[in-house]
C-alpha cells in the first residue's frame, strides 16, 4: 500500500534509522548525531508526534511480529 510521503524532521547527520508498525501506527526511530528520537505517525490521518527523544542509544533496527495488529484496538 502506498500513501503520502512522510518526512521526519531532522537537523543534523542521520547516524541510523529504523521503521516499525503496530496497531495503525508507524514508528520511526532516528539517530541524529548520537541522540535517538522515536516518532509516531498515525496511518489513517498522517498525524505526527515525537514519542521519545534524547535517547542515548543508536537504534539500527526495529522488528515487528507477524502477529502485530494492523489496525487500532477497538475501545
N, C-alpha and C. Protein backbone atom coordinates (compact mmCIF):
# COMPACT_ATOMS: atom_id res chain seq x y z
N UNK A 1 0.84 -1.17 0.00
CA UNK A 1 0.00 0.00 0.00
C UNK A 1 0.89 1.23 0.00
N UNK A 2 0.61 2.17 -0.85
CA UNK A 2 1.34 3.42 -0.90
C UNK A 2 0.47 4.53 -0.36
N UNK A 3 1.12 5.51 0.21
CA UNK A 3 0.38 6.66 0.75
C UNK A 3 1.19 7.92 0.55
N UNK A 4 0.81 8.94 1.27
CA UNK A 4 1.51 10.21 1.19
C UNK A 4 2.92 10.06 1.74
N UNK A 5 3.83 10.80 1.17
CA UNK A 5 5.21 10.77 1.62
C UNK A 5 5.31 11.45 2.98
N UNK A 6 6.04 10.83 3.88
CA UNK A 6 6.23 11.36 5.23
C UNK A 6 7.68 11.76 5.40
N UNK A 7 7.88 12.87 6.06
CA UNK A 7 9.22 13.35 6.30
C UNK A 7 9.40 13.60 7.79
N UNK A 8 10.42 12.97 8.37
CA UNK A 8 10.71 13.17 9.78
C UNK A 8 11.61 14.38 9.91
N UNK A 9 11.27 15.32 10.79
CA UNK A 9 12.12 16.48 10.98
C UNK A 9 13.52 16.04 11.43
N UNK A 10 14.52 16.45 10.69
CA UNK A 10 15.89 16.07 11.03
C UNK A 10 16.82 17.24 10.75
N UNK A 11 17.55 17.64 11.76
CA UNK A 11 18.50 18.72 11.61
C UNK A 11 19.85 18.22 12.12
N UNK A 12 20.62 17.60 11.26
CA UNK A 12 21.90 17.02 11.65
C UNK A 12 22.21 15.82 10.79
N UNK A 13 23.25 15.09 11.14
CA UNK A 13 23.67 13.91 10.40
C UNK A 13 22.93 12.69 10.92
N UNK A 14 22.24 11.99 10.03
CA UNK A 14 21.50 10.78 10.42
C UNK A 14 22.49 9.63 10.54
N UNK A 15 22.69 9.15 11.78
CA UNK A 15 23.59 8.03 12.05
C UNK A 15 22.92 6.69 11.76
N UNK A 16 21.62 6.60 12.07
CA UNK A 16 20.90 5.33 11.92
C UNK A 16 19.40 5.63 11.91
N UNK A 17 18.62 4.70 11.34
CA UNK A 17 17.17 4.83 11.37
C UNK A 17 16.54 3.46 11.21
N UNK A 18 15.29 3.37 11.66
CA UNK A 18 14.54 2.13 11.55
C UNK A 18 13.06 2.47 11.54
N UNK A 19 12.24 1.53 11.07
CA UNK A 19 10.79 1.74 10.98
C UNK A 19 10.09 0.48 11.48
N UNK A 20 8.99 0.66 12.20
CA UNK A 20 8.16 -0.45 12.67
C UNK A 20 6.70 0.00 12.63
N UNK A 21 5.77 -0.95 12.69
CA UNK A 21 4.35 -0.60 12.72
C UNK A 21 3.64 -1.48 13.73
N UNK A 22 2.56 -0.94 14.30
CA UNK A 22 1.72 -1.71 15.21
C UNK A 22 0.44 -0.93 15.44
N UNK A 23 -0.67 -1.61 15.35
CA UNK A 23 -1.96 -1.02 15.70
C UNK A 23 -2.31 0.26 14.97
N UNK A 24 -2.04 0.32 13.68
CA UNK A 24 -2.39 1.50 12.91
C UNK A 24 -1.40 2.65 13.04
N UNK A 25 -0.29 2.42 13.72
CA UNK A 25 0.74 3.44 13.89
C UNK A 25 2.02 3.00 13.21
N UNK A 26 2.75 3.96 12.67
CA UNK A 26 4.08 3.71 12.14
C UNK A 26 5.05 4.41 13.09
N UNK A 27 6.09 3.71 13.48
CA UNK A 27 7.10 4.28 14.38
C UNK A 27 8.41 4.39 13.63
N UNK A 28 8.99 5.58 13.66
CA UNK A 28 10.28 5.82 13.02
C UNK A 28 11.29 6.14 14.11
N UNK A 29 12.39 5.44 14.06
CA UNK A 29 13.47 5.61 15.03
C UNK A 29 14.62 6.28 14.29
N UNK A 30 15.00 7.47 14.70
CA UNK A 30 16.03 8.22 14.00
C UNK A 30 17.12 8.61 14.98
N UNK A 31 18.38 8.31 14.63
CA UNK A 31 19.52 8.71 15.45
C UNK A 31 20.27 9.81 14.71
N UNK A 32 20.29 10.99 15.32
CA UNK A 32 20.99 12.15 14.77
C UNK A 32 22.14 12.52 15.69
N UNK A 33 23.33 12.54 15.16
CA UNK A 33 24.50 12.97 15.95
C UNK A 33 24.57 12.29 17.32
N UNK A 34 24.22 10.99 17.37
CA UNK A 34 24.34 10.22 18.61
C UNK A 34 23.13 10.22 19.52
N UNK A 35 22.10 11.01 19.23
CA UNK A 35 20.88 11.03 20.04
C UNK A 35 19.73 10.46 19.22
N UNK A 36 18.99 9.53 19.82
CA UNK A 36 17.87 8.90 19.11
C UNK A 36 16.54 9.52 19.51
N UNK A 37 15.64 9.56 18.54
CA UNK A 37 14.28 10.05 18.75
C UNK A 37 13.32 9.04 18.13
N UNK A 38 12.19 8.83 18.80
CA UNK A 38 11.15 7.95 18.27
C UNK A 38 9.97 8.82 17.87
N UNK A 39 9.56 8.72 16.61
CA UNK A 39 8.43 9.46 16.07
C UNK A 39 7.29 8.48 15.79
N UNK A 40 6.06 8.94 15.97
CA UNK A 40 4.92 8.11 15.60
C UNK A 40 4.13 8.84 14.53
N UNK A 41 3.56 8.05 13.62
CA UNK A 41 2.71 8.60 12.57
C UNK A 41 1.45 7.75 12.53
N UNK A 42 0.32 8.40 12.71
CA UNK A 42 -0.97 7.70 12.65
C UNK A 42 -1.29 7.47 11.17
N UNK A 43 -1.37 6.19 10.78
CA UNK A 43 -1.55 5.85 9.35
C UNK A 43 -2.82 6.46 8.76
N UNK A 44 -3.88 6.51 9.52
CA UNK A 44 -5.15 6.97 8.99
C UNK A 44 -5.16 8.47 8.69
N UNK A 45 -4.52 9.27 9.56
CA UNK A 45 -4.59 10.73 9.43
C UNK A 45 -3.27 11.37 9.03
N UNK A 46 -2.16 10.64 9.20
CA UNK A 46 -0.84 11.22 8.92
C UNK A 46 -0.32 12.08 10.06
N UNK A 47 -1.05 12.11 11.17
CA UNK A 47 -0.65 12.91 12.33
C UNK A 47 0.71 12.43 12.86
N UNK A 48 1.62 13.36 13.09
CA UNK A 48 2.98 13.07 13.53
C UNK A 48 3.17 13.54 14.97
N UNK A 49 3.88 12.74 15.77
CA UNK A 49 4.20 13.12 17.15
C UNK A 49 5.56 12.56 17.53
N UNK A 50 6.26 13.26 18.41
CA UNK A 50 7.51 12.75 18.98
C UNK A 50 7.14 11.96 20.22
N UNK A 51 7.52 10.68 20.26
CA UNK A 51 7.17 9.80 21.38
C UNK A 51 8.25 9.85 22.46
N UNK A 52 9.50 9.69 22.06
CA UNK A 52 10.64 9.76 22.97
C UNK A 52 11.77 10.51 22.27
N UNK A 53 12.58 11.23 23.05
CA UNK A 53 13.70 11.91 22.44
C UNK A 53 14.90 11.94 23.39
N UNK A 54 16.04 12.27 22.84
CA UNK A 54 17.31 12.32 23.59
C UNK A 54 17.68 10.97 24.19
N UNK A 55 17.41 9.89 23.46
CA UNK A 55 17.77 8.56 23.92
C UNK A 55 19.26 8.33 23.65
N UNK A 56 19.98 7.73 24.58
CA UNK A 56 21.42 7.55 24.40
C UNK A 56 21.78 6.30 23.59
N UNK A 57 20.83 5.76 22.84
CA UNK A 57 21.07 4.53 22.07
C UNK A 57 21.10 4.83 20.58
N UNK A 58 21.91 4.11 19.85
CA UNK A 58 21.93 4.19 18.38
C UNK A 58 21.02 3.07 17.89
N UNK A 59 19.84 3.42 17.44
CA UNK A 59 18.84 2.43 17.03
C UNK A 59 19.05 2.11 15.56
N UNK A 60 19.47 0.88 15.28
CA UNK A 60 19.83 0.49 13.92
C UNK A 60 18.83 -0.48 13.30
N UNK A 61 17.83 -0.91 14.05
CA UNK A 61 16.85 -1.84 13.50
C UNK A 61 15.64 -1.92 14.40
N UNK A 62 14.53 -2.31 13.82
CA UNK A 62 13.29 -2.49 14.58
C UNK A 62 12.58 -3.72 14.02
N UNK A 63 12.04 -4.52 14.90
CA UNK A 63 11.35 -5.73 14.46
C UNK A 63 9.89 -5.68 14.85
N UNK A 64 9.08 -6.29 14.02
CA UNK A 64 7.65 -6.37 14.29
C UNK A 64 7.22 -7.81 14.06
N UNK A 65 6.48 -8.34 14.99
CA UNK A 65 5.96 -9.69 14.85
C UNK A 65 4.96 -9.77 13.70
N UNK A 66 4.91 -10.91 13.06
CA UNK A 66 3.89 -11.10 12.02
C UNK A 66 2.49 -11.14 12.62
N UNK A 67 2.41 -11.24 13.93
CA UNK A 67 1.12 -11.22 14.63
C UNK A 67 0.74 -9.82 15.10
N UNK A 68 1.56 -8.82 14.81
CA UNK A 68 1.27 -7.45 15.25
C UNK A 68 -0.02 -6.97 14.60
N UNK A 69 -0.85 -6.27 15.36
CA UNK A 69 -2.10 -5.78 14.79
C UNK A 69 -1.82 -4.71 13.73
N UNK A 70 -2.67 -4.64 12.73
CA UNK A 70 -2.52 -3.63 11.68
C UNK A 70 -3.54 -2.52 11.81
N UNK A 71 -4.48 -2.67 12.74
CA UNK A 71 -5.49 -1.65 12.98
C UNK A 71 -5.50 -1.32 14.46
N UNK A 72 -5.94 -0.10 14.85
CA UNK A 72 -6.01 0.25 16.26
C UNK A 72 -7.00 -0.65 17.01
N UNK A 73 -6.78 -0.84 18.31
CA UNK A 73 -7.72 -1.65 19.09
C UNK A 73 -9.08 -0.97 19.20
N UNK A 74 -10.13 -1.75 19.28
CA UNK A 74 -11.49 -1.23 19.46
C UNK A 74 -11.68 -0.90 20.92
N UNK A 75 -12.18 0.30 21.18
CA UNK A 75 -12.38 0.73 22.60
C UNK A 75 -13.81 0.65 22.99
